[in-house]
Amino acid sequence: MRFAFLDNFRGRPDRAAALQSYQRLHDVYDDSCHWLDTIRAQAIELLELREGDTVLDVACGTGAMLPALGRAVGARGRVIGIEQSPEMAAIAASRAAGAANVDVLVAPVEEARFEARADAVLFCYTHDVLQSDRAVENVMRHARPGARVVVAGARLLGWWAAPLNLWKLWRSRHYLSTYAGLRDPAARLRRYCPDLKIRATRILGTSYLAAGHAGAGSDL
């Protein structure tokens, strides 16, 4: 597979590479990511969703979190999943079938268009999105001031953890298109969420869960 370890040392996300990778991965993605279930549940708790909320599931993949998000916001709420991979989005749409309060948009996050204003925003293992100024800006301009923002993902540790970092790069190689930014994955998002802080870590610190709020003074 071309989209592998060495290719990801590019300086920024590569949409074509990501689409190619997820075209190959879509039918095995859920089986390969069961270990995320605990992090996903914690992320939903941190979102503090209420009846009637609108929540964005950014780069929602196969939609593993859409049903739970839909239940959390209730019939008066709305869940919008955004996914650029047609193959992944098709699975997400199938998973959400029958839920009138869940929509799946098939588009790059940078280009997604919708009218909703979000009360909560979820970025769950969306490293490429977080490394794109356009993508982060597009999402956050749809967030209400004070909207709850939760991020879960992979990160690298300091130089002292070189063997662990190498393992993390290898483990993540098919799920992102750039290693750029892995030491501080949410740096761009923090411009819009100044109180964003890590709330939990797993796998010796190489996976993180962070939460904060859209800043009322940000240009949203």
Protein backbone atom coordinates (compact mmCIF):
# COMPACT_ATOMS: atom_id res chain seq x y z
CA MET A 1 0.00 0.00 0.00
CA ARG A 2 1.51 3.31 -1.09
CA PHE A 3 -0.17 5.32 1.68
CA ALA A 4 2.05 4.08 4.48
CA PHE A 5 4.70 4.97 7.02
CA LEU A 6 7.19 6.98 4.94
CA ASP A 7 4.57 8.76 2.82
CA ASN A 8 3.16 10.46 5.90
CA PHE A 9 6.26 12.57 6.46
CA ARG A 10 4.69 15.12 4.11
CA GLY A 11 4.23 18.56 5.62
CA ARG A 12 0.46 18.83 5.38
CA PRO A 13 -2.63 16.66 4.85
CA ASP A 14 -3.09 15.09 1.42
CA ARG A 15 -6.75 14.64 0.53
CA ALA A 16 -6.11 12.31 -2.41
CA ALA A 17 -3.97 10.03 -0.26
CA ALA A 18 -6.57 9.99 2.50
CA LEU A 19 -9.39 9.15 0.10
CA GLN A 20 -7.33 6.34 -1.40
CA SER A 21 -6.53 4.92 2.01
CA TYR A 22 -10.10 4.98 3.29
CA GLN A 23 -11.38 3.47 0.09
CA ARG A 24 -9.26 0.46 1.04
CA LEU A 25 -10.01 0.60 4.76
CA HIS A 26 -13.75 1.26 4.85
CA ASP A 27 -14.91 -2.35 5.08
CA VAL A 28 -12.47 -3.25 7.89
CA TYR A 29 -12.39 0.10 9.69
CA ASP A 30 -14.92 -0.74 12.39
CA ASP A 31 -13.24 -4.03 13.25
CA SER A 32 -9.86 -2.32 13.50
CA CYS A 33 -11.11 0.46 15.79
CA HIS A 34 -13.10 -1.34 18.50
CA TRP A 35 -10.47 -0.23 21.01
CA LEU A 36 -11.80 3.33 20.59
CA ASP A 37 -15.15 2.50 22.18
CA THR A 38 -14.11 3.62 25.67
CA ILE A 39 -12.69 6.91 24.37
CA ARG A 40 -15.83 7.48 22.29
CA ALA A 41 -18.05 7.04 25.36
CA GLN A 42 -15.89 9.43 27.38
CA ALA A 43 -16.00 11.98 24.57
CA ILE A 44 -19.81 11.94 24.51
CA GLU A 45 -19.89 12.48 28.27
CA LEU A 46 -17.59 15.49 27.95
CA LEU A 47 -19.85 17.00 25.26
CA GLU A 48 -22.56 17.37 27.96
CA LEU A 49 -25.28 17.12 25.34
CA ARG A 50 -28.78 18.27 26.15
CA GLU A 51 -32.20 17.67 24.62
CA GLY A 52 -32.53 19.85 21.53
CA ASP A 53 -28.81 20.47 20.98
CA THR A 54 -27.19 20.55 17.57
CA VAL A 55 -23.88 18.67 17.45
CA LEU A 56 -21.30 18.35 14.68
CA ASP A 57 -19.44 15.04 14.33
CA VAL A 58 -16.45 16.17 12.27
CA ALA A 59 -14.95 13.57 9.91
CA CYS A 60 -17.41 11.06 11.31
CA GLY A 61 -15.98 8.09 9.39
CA THR A 62 -18.33 5.13 9.44
CA GLY A 63 -20.61 6.93 11.88
CA ALA A 64 -19.85 4.83 14.94
CA MET A 65 -20.88 7.68 17.24
CA LEU A 66 -23.90 8.96 15.33
CA PRO A 67 -26.57 6.76 16.99
CA ALA A 68 -25.39 7.63 20.51
CA LEU A 69 -25.19 11.32 19.64
CA GLY A 70 -28.69 11.18 18.18
CA ARG A 71 -30.07 9.62 21.34
CA ALA A 72 -28.30 12.22 23.49
CA VAL A 73 -29.84 15.23 21.72
CA GLY A 74 -33.27 13.67 21.35
CA ALA A 75 -35.94 14.16 18.71
CA ARG A 76 -35.73 17.96 18.96
CA GLY A 77 -31.96 17.93 18.46
CA ARG A 78 -29.84 17.49 15.38
CA VAL A 79 -26.64 15.60 14.60
CA ILE A 80 -24.59 16.49 11.52
CA GLY A 81 -21.85 14.11 10.49
CA ILE A 82 -19.30 15.34 7.95
CA GLU A 83 -17.21 12.81 6.01
CA GLN A 84 -15.24 13.22 2.79
CA SER A 85 -14.82 9.52 1.97
CA PRO A 86 -17.87 8.33 0.00
CA GLU A 87 -17.29 4.74 1.12
CA MET A 88 -17.08 5.66 4.80
CA ALA A 89 -20.02 8.07 4.52
CA ALA A 90 -22.20 5.37 2.96
CA ILE A 91 -21.65 3.17 6.00
CA ALA A 92 -22.36 6.13 8.29
CA ALA A 93 -25.60 6.92 6.48
CA SER A 94 -26.67 3.29 6.69
CA ARG A 95 -25.90 3.23 10.40
CA ALA A 96 -27.99 6.37 10.93
CA ALA A 97 -30.88 5.22 8.72
CA GLY A 98 -34.19 5.74 10.44
CA ALA A 99 -32.90 8.46 12.74
CA ALA A 100 -34.69 11.61 11.59
CA ASN A 101 -32.37 13.83 13.64
CA VAL A 102 -29.12 12.63 11.99
CA ASP A 103 -27.70 13.86 8.68
CA VAL A 104 -24.48 12.83 6.95
CA LEU A 105 -22.80 15.32 4.62
CA VAL A 106 -20.39 13.87 2.06
CA ALA A 107 -17.79 16.60 1.62
CA PRO A 108 -14.30 17.65 2.67
CA VAL A 109 -14.56 19.45 5.99
CA GLU A 110 -13.03 22.55 4.38
CA GLU A 111 -15.90 22.70 1.89
CA ALA A 112 -18.89 21.41 3.86
CA ARG A 113 -21.88 23.78 3.67
CA PHE A 114 -24.77 23.80 6.10
CA GLU A 115 -26.82 26.42 7.93
CA ALA A 116 -26.84 25.01 11.45
CA ARG A 117 -25.19 26.62 14.45
CA ALA A 118 -23.71 24.01 16.73
CA ASP A 119 -24.06 23.74 20.49
CA ALA A 120 -21.34 21.08 20.55
CA VAL A 121 -18.53 19.95 18.26
CA LEU A 122 -16.75 16.60 18.22
CA PHE A 123 -13.39 15.84 16.60
CA CYS A 124 -12.74 12.13 17.19
CA TYR A 125 -9.50 10.91 15.61
CA THR A 126 -9.53 13.58 12.92
CA HIS A 127 -5.84 14.50 12.81
CA ASP A 128 -5.79 15.61 9.16
CA VAL A 129 -8.72 17.95 9.78
CA LEU A 130 -7.00 19.51 12.78
CA GLN A 131 -3.94 20.29 10.63
CA SER A 132 -5.99 22.29 8.11
CA ASP A 133 -6.60 25.97 8.86
CA ARG A 134 -9.52 26.02 6.40
CA ALA A 135 -11.16 22.97 7.91
CA VAL A 136 -10.92 24.16 11.50
CA GLU A 137 -12.15 27.65 10.54
CA ASN A 138 -15.10 26.24 8.61
CA VAL A 139 -16.19 24.08 11.52
CA MET A 140 -15.74 26.69 14.20
CA ARG A 141 -17.60 29.44 12.36
CA HIS A 142 -20.64 27.20 12.73
CA ALA A 143 -20.16 26.89 16.51
CA ARG A 144 -22.10 29.09 18.88
CA PRO A 145 -20.05 31.11 21.39
CA GLY A 146 -19.56 28.84 24.35
CA ALA A 147 -20.23 25.65 22.37
CA ARG A 148 -18.70 22.58 23.97
CA VAL A 149 -15.76 21.22 21.95
CA VAL A 150 -14.27 17.77 22.49
CA VAL A 151 -11.23 16.31 20.75
CA ALA A 152 -9.88 12.77 20.88
CA GLY A 153 -6.85 11.61 18.95
CA ALA A 154 -3.27 10.46 18.71
CA ARG A 155 -0.22 12.44 19.74
CA LEU A 156 3.52 12.07 20.10
CA LEU A 157 5.40 12.48 23.36
CA GLY A 158 8.84 14.02 23.99
CA TRP A 159 12.19 12.82 22.65
CA TRP A 160 12.54 10.57 25.68
CA ALA A 161 9.70 8.40 24.35
CA ALA A 162 11.27 7.75 20.94
CA PRO A 163 10.47 4.00 20.80
CA LEU A 164 6.86 4.64 21.83
CA ASN A 165 6.58 7.48 19.32
CA LEU A 166 7.84 5.25 16.51
CA TRP A 167 5.27 2.62 17.45
CA LYS A 168 2.54 5.28 17.39
CA LEU A 169 3.61 6.51 13.95
CA TRP A 170 3.53 2.96 12.63
CA ARG A 171 0.18 2.18 14.26
CA SER A 172 -1.40 5.35 12.84
CA ARG A 173 0.09 5.19 9.35
CA HIS A 174 -3.08 4.22 7.48
CA TYR A 175 -5.44 6.53 9.39
CA LEU A 176 -3.90 9.91 8.61
CA SER A 177 -1.99 11.43 5.72
CA THR A 178 0.54 13.54 7.60
CA TYR A 179 2.51 13.20 10.82
CA ALA A 180 2.88 16.99 10.95
CA GLY A 181 1.48 18.46 14.15
CA LEU A 182 1.38 15.25 16.17
CA ARG A 183 3.29 16.82 19.06
CA ASP A 184 0.50 19.38 19.55
CA PRO A 185 -2.40 18.16 17.40
CA ALA A 186 -5.00 20.68 18.54
CA ALA A 187 -2.87 23.83 18.21
CA ARG A 188 -5.06 25.31 15.46
CA LEU A 189 -8.25 24.52 17.33
CA ARG A 190 -6.95 26.21 20.46
CA ARG A 191 -7.13 29.55 18.65
CA TYR A 192 -10.91 29.17 18.77
CA CYS A 193 -11.09 27.33 22.10
CA PRO A 194 -8.62 29.04 24.43
CA ASP A 195 -9.65 26.88 27.39
CA LEU A 196 -9.10 23.57 25.55
CA LYS A 197 -7.32 21.22 27.94
CA ILE A 198 -6.40 17.54 27.98
CA ARG A 199 -8.77 15.69 30.31
CA ALA A 200 -7.48 12.14 29.95
CA THR A 201 -4.81 10.08 28.22
CA ARG A 202 -4.48 6.42 27.28
CA ILE A 203 -1.88 4.04 25.87
CA LEU A 204 0.95 5.58 27.90
CA GLY A 205 -0.08 9.07 26.86
CA THR A 206 -0.09 8.57 23.09
CA SER A 207 -3.87 8.97 22.89
CA TYR A 208 -5.56 12.01 24.39
CA LEU A 209 -9.01 13.40 25.15
CA ALA A 210 -9.40 17.18 25.40
CA ALA A 211 -12.34 19.48 26.03
CA GLY A 212 -13.07 23.19 25.99
CA HIS A 213 -15.47 25.82 24.69
CA ALA A 214 -15.69 27.99 21.61
CA GLY A 215 -14.36 31.34 22.75
CA ALA A 216 -16.93 34.09 22.87
CA GLY A 217 -14.31 36.55 21.62
CA SER A 218 -13.21 34.41 18.66
CA ASP A 219 -14.00 35.32 15.07
CA LEU A 220 -16.54 32.54 14.50
